[in-house]
Amino acid sequence: MPNINEMLPSKYLKQTDVPAPIVVTIIGVKQVNVAPQDDPEEMKWAIKFAELDRPMILNSTNINIAGKLLGPNTDNWKNKEIVLY
């Protein structure tokens, strides 16, 4: 029987994809359309990591934490390491 997380595939990283803390390297931050197909565009910011296949959608908490750790200019985040948990 499949795990329920396998039944709900996503183009984006989910909490269940990171069962234990992992050090990742940021390779970029960009806006992505998270709206379902045929729905109006819904743009959100996402962060991509070298070690993971899927980007992580940034919510306000994640943006604020990253900003405090890495500074307000996301261009400077590239190649920086952070811990996801």
PDB file of N, CA and C in Angstrom:
ATOM      1  N   MET A   1       0.838  -1.174   0.000  1.00  0.00           N
ATOM      2  CA  MET A   1       0.000   0.000   0.000  1.00  0.00           C
ATOM      3  C   MET A   1       0.889   1.246   0.000  1.00  0.00           C
ATOM      4  N   PRO A   2       0.498   2.255  -0.758  1.00  0.00           N
ATOM      5  CA  PRO A   2       1.300   3.477  -0.788  1.00  0.00           C
ATOM      6  C   PRO A   2       1.102   4.323   0.466  1.00  0.00           C
ATOM      7  N   ASN A   3       2.130   5.078   0.771  1.00  0.00           N
ATOM      8  CA  ASN A   3       2.066   6.075   1.826  1.00  0.00           C
ATOM      9  C   ASN A   3       1.228   7.235   1.295  1.00  0.00           C
ATOM     10  N   ILE A   4       0.452   7.906   2.147  1.00  0.00           N
ATOM     11  CA  ILE A   4      -0.410   8.989   1.661  1.00  0.00           C
ATOM     12  C   ILE A   4       0.400  10.109   1.011  1.00  0.00           C
ATOM     13  N   ASN A   5       1.652  10.310   1.442  1.00  0.00           N
ATOM     14  CA  ASN A   5       2.498  11.338   0.824  1.00  0.00           C
ATOM     15  C   ASN A   5       2.847  10.980  -0.617  1.00  0.00           C
ATOM     16  N   GLU A   6       2.900   9.695  -0.935  1.00  0.00           N
ATOM     17  CA  GLU A   6       3.148   9.246  -2.304  1.00  0.00           C
ATOM     18  C   GLU A   6       1.904   9.442  -3.172  1.00  0.00           C
ATOM     19  N   MET A   7       0.749   9.510  -2.552  1.00  0.00           N
ATOM     20  CA  MET A   7      -0.505   9.656  -3.286  1.00  0.00           C
ATOM     21  C   MET A   7      -0.786  11.100  -3.674  1.00  0.00           C
ATOM     22  N   LEU A   8      -0.074  12.038  -3.054  1.00  0.00           N
ATOM     23  CA  LEU A   8      -0.269  13.457  -3.310  1.00  0.00           C
ATOM     24  C   LEU A   8       1.040  14.066  -3.812  1.00  0.00           C
ATOM     25  N   PRO A   9       1.421  13.758  -5.047  1.00  0.00           N
ATOM     26  CA  PRO A   9       2.696  14.270  -5.548  1.00  0.00           C
ATOM     27  C   PRO A   9       2.681  15.792  -5.648  1.00  0.00           C
ATOM     28  N   SER A  10       3.851  16.365  -5.522  1.00  0.00           N
ATOM     29  CA  SER A  10       3.968  17.819  -5.573  1.00  0.00           C
ATOM     30  C   SER A  10       5.223  18.201  -6.344  1.00  0.00           C
ATOM     31  N   LYS A  11       5.163  19.331  -7.039  1.00  0.00           N
ATOM     32  CA  LYS A  11       6.340  19.865  -7.720  1.00  0.00           C
ATOM     33  C   LYS A  11       7.269  20.552  -6.735  1.00  0.00           C
ATOM     34  N   TYR A  12       6.774  20.749  -5.503  1.00  0.00           N
ATOM     35  CA  TYR A  12       7.521  21.512  -4.514  1.00  0.00           C
ATOM     36  C   TYR A  12       7.813  20.674  -3.277  1.00  0.00           C
ATOM     37  N   LEU A  13       8.854  21.036  -2.579  1.00  0.00           N
ATOM     38  CA  LEU A  13       9.277  20.341  -1.380  1.00  0.00           C
ATOM     39  C   LEU A  13       8.193  20.439  -0.309  1.00  0.00           C
ATOM     40  N   LYS A  14       7.951  19.319   0.370  1.00  0.00           N
ATOM     41  CA  LYS A  14       6.980  19.272   1.461  1.00  0.00           C
ATOM     42  C   LYS A  14       7.718  18.942   2.752  1.00  0.00           C
ATOM     43  N   GLN A  15       7.085  19.225   3.868  1.00  0.00           N
ATOM     44  CA  GLN A  15       7.685  18.944   5.165  1.00  0.00           C
ATOM     45  C   GLN A  15       8.075  17.469   5.285  1.00  0.00           C
ATOM     46  N   THR A  16       7.266  16.583   4.765  1.00  0.00           N
ATOM     47  CA  THR A  16       7.539  15.147   4.872  1.00  0.00           C
ATOM     48  C   THR A  16       8.741  14.719   4.028  1.00  0.00           C
ATOM     49  N   ASP A  17       9.194  15.583   3.111  1.00  0.00           N
ATOM     50  CA  ASP A  17      10.373  15.272   2.303  1.00  0.00           C
ATOM     51  C   ASP A  17      11.670  15.463   3.091  1.00  0.00           C
ATOM     52  N   VAL A  18      11.571  16.098   4.254  1.00  0.00           N
ATOM     53  CA  VAL A  18      12.749  16.369   5.087  1.00  0.00           C
ATOM     54  C   VAL A  18      12.486  15.802   6.487  1.00  0.00           C
ATOM     55  N   PRO A  19      12.592  14.459   6.641  1.00  0.00           N
ATOM     56  CA  PRO A  19      12.261  13.847   7.924  1.00  0.00           C
ATOM     57  C   PRO A  19      13.286  14.138   9.023  1.00  0.00           C
ATOM     58  N   ALA A  20      14.499  14.521   8.629  1.00  0.00           N
ATOM     59  CA  ALA A  20      15.548  14.856   9.590  1.00  0.00           C
ATOM     60  C   ALA A  20      16.273  16.095   9.074  1.00  0.00           C
ATOM     61  N   PRO A  21      16.900  16.856   9.961  1.00  0.00           N
ATOM     62  CA  PRO A  21      17.622  18.042   9.510  1.00  0.00           C
ATOM     63  C   PRO A  21      18.649  17.700   8.428  1.00  0.00           C
ATOM     64  N   ILE A  22      18.772  18.584   7.448  1.00  0.00           N
ATOM     65  CA  ILE A  22      19.705  18.379   6.342  1.00  0.00           C
ATOM     66  C   ILE A  22      20.326  19.726   5.972  1.00  0.00           C
ATOM     67  N   VAL A  23      21.631  19.700   5.722  1.00  0.00           N
ATOM     68  CA  VAL A  23      22.327  20.900   5.264  1.00  0.00           C
ATOM     69  C   VAL A  23      22.172  20.971   3.750  1.00  0.00           C
ATOM     70  N   VAL A  24      21.702  22.119   3.261  1.00  0.00           N
ATOM     71  CA  VAL A  24      21.496  22.303   1.825  1.00  0.00           C
ATOM     72  C   VAL A  24      22.168  23.599   1.372  1.00  0.00           C
ATOM     73  N   THR A  25      22.490  23.650   0.082  1.00  0.00           N
ATOM     74  CA  THR A  25      23.138  24.802  -0.518  1.00  0.00           C
ATOM     75  C   THR A  25      22.150  25.504  -1.437  1.00  0.00           C
ATOM     76  N   ILE A  26      21.955  26.789  -1.219  1.00  0.00           N
ATOM     77  CA  ILE A  26      21.017  27.571  -2.028  1.00  0.00           C
ATOM     78  C   ILE A  26      21.623  27.827  -3.409  1.00  0.00           C
ATOM     79  N   ILE A  27      20.833  27.547  -4.450  1.00  0.00           N
ATOM     80  CA  ILE A  27      21.303  27.863  -5.797  1.00  0.00           C
ATOM     81  C   ILE A  27      20.475  28.955  -6.456  1.00  0.00           C
ATOM     82  N   GLY A  28      19.359  29.337  -5.833  1.00  0.00           N
ATOM     83  CA  GLY A  28      18.587  30.423  -6.402  1.00  0.00           C
ATOM     84  C   GLY A  28      17.251  30.631  -5.728  1.00  0.00           C
ATOM     85  N   VAL A  29      16.699  31.822  -5.953  1.00  0.00           N
ATOM     86  CA  VAL A  29      15.379  32.200  -5.460  1.00  0.00           C
ATOM     87  C   VAL A  29      14.638  32.822  -6.635  1.00  0.00           C
ATOM     88  N   LYS A  30      13.412  32.353  -6.893  1.00  0.00           N
ATOM     89  CA  LYS A  30      12.628  32.924  -7.988  1.00  0.00           C
ATOM     90  C   LYS A  30      11.148  32.773  -7.704  1.00  0.00           C
ATOM     91  N   GLN A  31      10.343  33.509  -8.461  1.00  0.00           N
ATOM     92  CA  GLN A  31       8.893  33.375  -8.347  1.00  0.00           C
ATOM     93  C   GLN A  31       8.418  32.244  -9.240  1.00  0.00           C
ATOM     94  N   VAL A  32       7.454  31.461  -8.720  1.00  0.00           N
ATOM     95  CA  VAL A  32       6.866  30.355  -9.469  1.00  0.00           C
ATOM     96  C   VAL A  32       5.348  30.443  -9.380  1.00  0.00           C
ATOM     97  N   ASN A  33       4.687  29.924 -10.385  1.00  0.00           N
ATOM     98  CA  ASN A  33       3.224  29.876 -10.400  1.00  0.00           C
ATOM     99  C   ASN A  33       2.778  28.588  -9.716  1.00  0.00           C
ATOM    100  N   VAL A  34       2.101  28.717  -8.576  1.00  0.00           N
ATOM    101  CA  VAL A  34       1.660  27.545  -7.817  1.00  0.00           C
ATOM    102  C   VAL A  34       0.197  27.198  -8.049  1.00  0.00           C
ATOM    103  N   ALA A  35      -0.468  27.926  -8.924  1.00  0.00           N
ATOM    104  CA  ALA A  35      -1.886  27.666  -9.196  1.00  0.00           C
ATOM    105  C   ALA A  35      -2.056  26.344  -9.940  1.00  0.00           C
ATOM    106  N   PRO A  36      -3.130  25.623  -9.654  1.00  0.00           N
ATOM    107  CA  PRO A  36      -3.427  24.415 -10.428  1.00  0.00           C
ATOM    108  C   PRO A  36      -3.623  24.770 -11.909  1.00  0.00           C
ATOM    109  N   GLN A  37      -3.382  23.782 -12.749  1.00  0.00           N
ATOM    110  CA  GLN A  37      -3.545  23.983 -14.190  1.00  0.00           C
ATOM    111  C   GLN A  37      -4.945  24.515 -14.492  1.00  0.00           C
ATOM    112  N   ASP A  38      -5.021  25.439 -15.399  1.00  0.00           N
ATOM    113  CA  ASP A  38      -6.267  26.081 -15.846  1.00  0.00           C
ATOM    114  C   ASP A  38      -6.848  27.077 -14.838  1.00  0.00           C
ATOM    115  N   ASP A  39      -6.172  27.307 -13.704  1.00  0.00           N
ATOM    116  CA  ASP A  39      -6.608  28.327 -12.747  1.00  0.00           C
ATOM    117  C   ASP A  39      -5.817  29.611 -12.990  1.00  0.00           C
ATOM    118  N   PRO A  40      -6.295  30.738 -12.490  1.00  0.00           N
ATOM    119  CA  PRO A  40      -5.534  31.980 -12.617  1.00  0.00           C
ATOM    120  C   PRO A  40      -4.164  31.856 -11.936  1.00  0.00           C
ATOM    121  N   GLU A  41      -3.205  32.572 -12.463  1.00  0.00           N
ATOM    122  CA  GLU A  41      -1.849  32.550 -11.950  1.00  0.00           C
ATOM    123  C   GLU A  41      -1.808  32.936 -10.474  1.00  0.00           C
ATOM    124  N   GLU A  42      -1.010  32.205  -9.690  1.00  0.00           N
ATOM    125  CA  GLU A  42      -0.779  32.523  -8.278  1.00  0.00           C
ATOM    126  C   GLU A  42       0.728  32.419  -8.040  1.00  0.00           C
ATOM    127  N   MET A  43       1.393  33.560  -8.011  1.00  0.00           N
ATOM    128  CA  MET A  43       2.846  33.586  -7.913  1.00  0.00           C
ATOM    129  C   MET A  43       3.294  33.591  -6.451  1.00  0.00           C
ATOM    130  N   LYS A  44       4.288  32.747  -6.174  1.00  0.00           N
ATOM    131  CA  LYS A  44       4.905  32.679  -4.849  1.00  0.00           C
ATOM    132  C   LYS A  44       6.408  32.575  -5.046  1.00  0.00           C
ATOM    133  N   TRP A  45       7.157  32.942  -4.022  1.00  0.00           N
ATOM    134  CA  TRP A  45       8.607  32.829  -4.068  1.00  0.00           C
ATOM    135  C   TRP A  45       9.009  31.413  -3.676  1.00  0.00           C
ATOM    136  N   ALA A  46      10.029  30.898  -4.367  1.00  0.00           N
ATOM    137  CA  ALA A  46      10.543  29.555  -4.090  1.00  0.00           C
ATOM    138  C   ALA A  46      12.068  29.611  -4.051  1.00  0.00           C
ATOM    139  N   ILE A  47      12.629  28.719  -3.272  1.00  0.00           N
ATOM    140  CA  ILE A  47      14.080  28.627  -3.139  1.00  0.00           C
ATOM    141  C   ILE A  47      14.519  27.250  -3.611  1.00  0.00           C
ATOM    142  N   LYS A  48      15.562  27.205  -4.413  1.00  0.00           N
ATOM    143  CA  LYS A  48      16.066  25.940  -4.977  1.00  0.00           C
ATOM    144  C   LYS A  48      17.390  25.595  -4.315  1.00  0.00           C
ATOM    145  N   PHE A  49      17.556  24.304  -4.030  1.00  0.00           N
ATOM    146  CA  PHE A  49      18.753  23.810  -3.359  1.00  0.00           C
ATOM    147  C   PHE A  49      19.500  22.830  -4.262  1.00  0.00           C
ATOM    148  N   ALA A  50      20.814  22.834  -4.174  1.00  0.00           N
ATOM    149  CA  ALA A  50      21.646  21.953  -4.999  1.00  0.00           C
ATOM    150  C   ALA A  50      21.372  20.480  -4.681  1.00  0.00           C
ATOM    151  N   GLU A  51      21.106  20.166  -3.445  1.00  0.00           N
ATOM    152  CA  GLU A  51      20.992  18.769  -3.015  1.00  0.00           C
ATOM    153  C   GLU A  51      19.611  18.157  -3.224  1.00  0.00           C
ATOM    154  N   LEU A  52      18.612  18.962  -3.553  1.00  0.00           N
ATOM    155  CA  LEU A  52      17.238  18.465  -3.653  1.00  0.00           C
ATOM    156  C   LEU A  52      16.666  18.725  -5.039  1.00  0.00           C
ATOM    157  N   ASP A  53      15.810  17.838  -5.499  1.00  0.00           N
ATOM    158  CA  ASP A  53      15.221  17.938  -6.833  1.00  0.00           C
ATOM    159  C   ASP A  53      14.160  19.021  -6.945  1.00  0.00           C
ATOM    160  N   ARG A  54      13.431  19.250  -5.866  1.00  0.00           N
ATOM    161  CA  ARG A  54      12.297  20.180  -5.920  1.00  0.00           C
ATOM    162  C   ARG A  54      12.579  21.436  -5.103  1.00  0.00           C
ATOM    163  N   PRO A  55      12.085  22.585  -5.566  1.00  0.00           N
ATOM    164  CA  PRO A  55      12.237  23.816  -4.784  1.00  0.00           C
ATOM    165  C   PRO A  55      11.262  23.844  -3.611  1.00  0.00           C
ATOM    166  N   MET A  56      11.548  24.723  -2.661  1.00  0.00           N
ATOM    167  CA  MET A  56      10.679  24.912  -1.501  1.00  0.00           C
ATOM    168  C   MET A  56       9.976  26.265  -1.630  1.00  0.00           C
ATOM    169  N   ILE A  57       8.669  26.251  -1.493  1.00  0.00           N
ATOM    170  CA  ILE A  57       7.908  27.495  -1.491  1.00  0.00           C
ATOM    171  C   ILE A  57       8.223  28.236  -0.194  1.00  0.00           C
ATOM    172  N   LEU A  58       8.479  29.523  -0.319  1.00  0.00           N
ATOM    173  CA  LEU A  58       8.810  30.332   0.854  1.00  0.00           C
ATOM    174  C   LEU A  58       7.550  31.002   1.407  1.00  0.00           C
ATOM    175  N   ASN A  59       7.252  30.726   2.656  1.00  0.00           N
ATOM    176  CA  ASN A  59       6.173  31.449   3.319  1.00  0.00           C
ATOM    177  C   ASN A  59       6.792  32.620   4.082  1.00  0.00           C
ATOM    178  N   SER A  60       5.991  33.442   4.707  1.00  0.00           N
ATOM    179  CA  SER A  60       6.520  34.633   5.371  1.00  0.00           C
ATOM    180  C   SER A  60       7.495  34.280   6.493  1.00  0.00           C
ATOM    181  N   THR A  61       7.241  33.205   7.214  1.00  0.00           N
ATOM    182  CA  THR A  61       8.159  32.789   8.285  1.00  0.00           C
ATOM    183  C   THR A  61       9.513  32.404   7.714  1.00  0.00           C
ATOM    184  N   ASN A  62       9.524  31.571   6.662  1.00  0.00           N
ATOM    185  CA  ASN A  62      10.785  31.147   6.058  1.00  0.00           C
ATOM    186  C   ASN A  62      11.555  32.326   5.462  1.00  0.00           C
ATOM    187  N   ILE A  63      10.835  33.250   4.835  1.00  0.00           N
ATOM    188  CA  ILE A  63      11.483  34.432   4.251  1.00  0.00           C
ATOM    189  C   ILE A  63      12.150  35.257   5.351  1.00  0.00           C
ATOM    190  N   ASN A  64      11.429  35.486   6.449  1.00  0.00           N
ATOM    191  CA  ASN A  64      11.979  36.288   7.541  1.00  0.00           C
ATOM    192  C   ASN A  64      13.173  35.617   8.212  1.00  0.00           C
ATOM    193  N   ILE A  65      13.107  34.319   8.420  1.00  0.00           N
ATOM    194  CA  ILE A  65      14.236  33.598   9.031  1.00  0.00           C
ATOM    195  C   ILE A  65      15.446  33.648   8.110  1.00  0.00           C
ATOM    196  N   ALA A  66      15.248  33.358   6.826  1.00  0.00           N
ATOM    197  CA  ALA A  66      16.364  33.398   5.877  1.00  0.00           C
ATOM    198  C   ALA A  66      16.949  34.804   5.793  1.00  0.00           C
ATOM    199  N   GLY A  67      16.090  35.812   5.796  1.00  0.00           N
ATOM    200  CA  GLY A  67      16.557  37.187   5.750  1.00  0.00           C
ATOM    201  C   GLY A  67      17.420  37.552   6.949  1.00  0.00           C
ATOM    202  N   LYS A  68      17.039  37.083   8.128  1.00  0.00           N
ATOM    203  CA  LYS A  68      17.833  37.348   9.333  1.00  0.00           C
ATOM    204  C   LYS A  68      19.179  36.639   9.275  1.00  0.00           C
ATOM    205  N   LEU A  69      19.184  35.426   8.742  1.00  0.00           N
ATOM    206  CA  LEU A  69      20.422  34.638   8.674  1.00  0.00           C
ATOM    207  C   LEU A  69      21.343  35.075   7.533  1.00  0.00           C
ATOM    208  N   LEU A  70      20.748  35.387   6.386  1.00  0.00           N
ATOM    209  CA  LEU A  70      21.538  35.577   5.161  1.00  0.00           C
ATOM    210  C   LEU A  70      21.537  37.013   4.646  1.00  0.00           C
ATOM    211  N   GLY A  71      20.718  37.866   5.229  1.00  0.00           N
ATOM    212  CA  GLY A  71      20.628  39.245   4.779  1.00  0.00           C
ATOM    213  C   GLY A  71      19.431  39.444   3.866  1.00  0.00           C
ATOM    214  N   PRO A  72      19.056  40.700   3.630  1.00  0.00           N
ATOM    215  CA  PRO A  72      17.845  40.989   2.877  1.00  0.00           C
ATOM    216  C   PRO A  72      17.967  40.823   1.361  1.00  0.00           C
ATOM    217  N   ASN A  73      19.157  40.817   0.817  1.00  0.00           N
ATOM    218  CA  ASN A  73      19.344  40.718  -0.624  1.00  0.00           C
ATOM    219  C   ASN A  73      19.482  39.251  -1.032  1.00  0.00           C
ATOM    220  N   THR A  74      18.462  38.701  -1.684  1.00  0.00           N
ATOM    221  CA  THR A  74      18.479  37.273  -2.033  1.00  0.00           C
ATOM    222  C   THR A  74      19.562  36.931  -3.054  1.00  0.00           C
ATOM    223  N   ASP A  75      20.083  37.919  -3.784  1.00  0.00           N
ATOM    224  CA  ASP A  75      21.212  37.636  -4.679  1.00  0.00           C
ATOM    225  C   ASP A  75      22.418  37.133  -3.890  1.00  0.00           C
ATOM    226  N   ASN A  76      22.523  37.551  -2.630  1.00  0.00           N
ATOM    227  CA  ASN A  76      23.641  37.136  -1.784  1.00  0.00           C
ATOM    228  C   ASN A  76      23.420  35.764  -1.133  1.00  0.00           C
ATOM    229  N   TRP A  77      22.254  35.185  -1.304  1.00  0.00           N
ATOM    230  CA  TRP A  77      21.967  33.880  -0.716  1.00  0.00           C
ATOM    231  C   TRP A  77      22.610  32.744  -1.506  1.00  0.00           C
ATOM    232  N   LYS A  78      22.889  32.975  -2.775  1.00  0.00           N
ATOM    233  CA  LYS A  78      23.417  31.919  -3.633  1.00  0.00           C
ATOM    234  C   LYS A  78      24.709  31.347  -3.049  1.00  0.00           C
ATOM    235  N   ASN A  79      24.777  30.008  -3.064  1.00  0.00           N
ATOM    236  CA  ASN A  79      25.914  29.214  -2.563  1.00  0.00           C
ATOM    237  C   ASN A  79      26.051  29.216  -1.045  1.00  0.00           C
ATOM    238  N   LYS A  80      25.086  29.788  -0.336  1.00  0.00           N
ATOM    239  CA  LYS A  80      25.099  29.743   1.136  1.00  0.00           C
ATOM    240  C   LYS A  80      24.433  28.453   1.591  1.00  0.00           C
ATOM    241  N   GLU A  81      24.909  27.919   2.703  1.00  0.00           N
ATOM    242  CA  GLU A  81      24.327  26.705   3.256  1.00  0.00           C
ATOM    243  C   GLU A  81      23.393  27.049   4.414  1.00  0.00           C
ATOM    244  N   ILE A  82      22.285  26.320   4.476  1.00  0.00           N
ATOM    245  CA  ILE A  82      21.348  26.430   5.581  1.00  0.00           C
ATOM    246  C   ILE A  82      20.926  25.020   5.986  1.00  0.00           C
ATOM    247  N   VAL A  83      20.304  24.920   7.141  1.00  0.00           N
ATOM    248  CA  VAL A  83      19.787  23.635   7.604  1.00  0.00           C
ATOM    249  C   VAL A  83      18.278  23.655   7.470  1.00  0.00           C
ATOM    250  N   LEU A  84      17.744  22.673   6.741  1.00  0.00           N
ATOM    251  CA  LEU A  84      16.287  22.481   6.679  1.00  0.00           C
ATOM    252  C   LEU A  84      15.910  21.459   7.720  1.00  0.00           C
ATOM    253  N   TYR A  85      14.775  21.683   8.378  1.00  0.00           N
ATOM    254  CA  TYR A  85      14.293  20.702   9.348  1.00  0.00           C
ATOM    255  C   TYR A  85      12.798  20.693   9.365  1.00  0.00           C
TER     256      TYR A  85
END
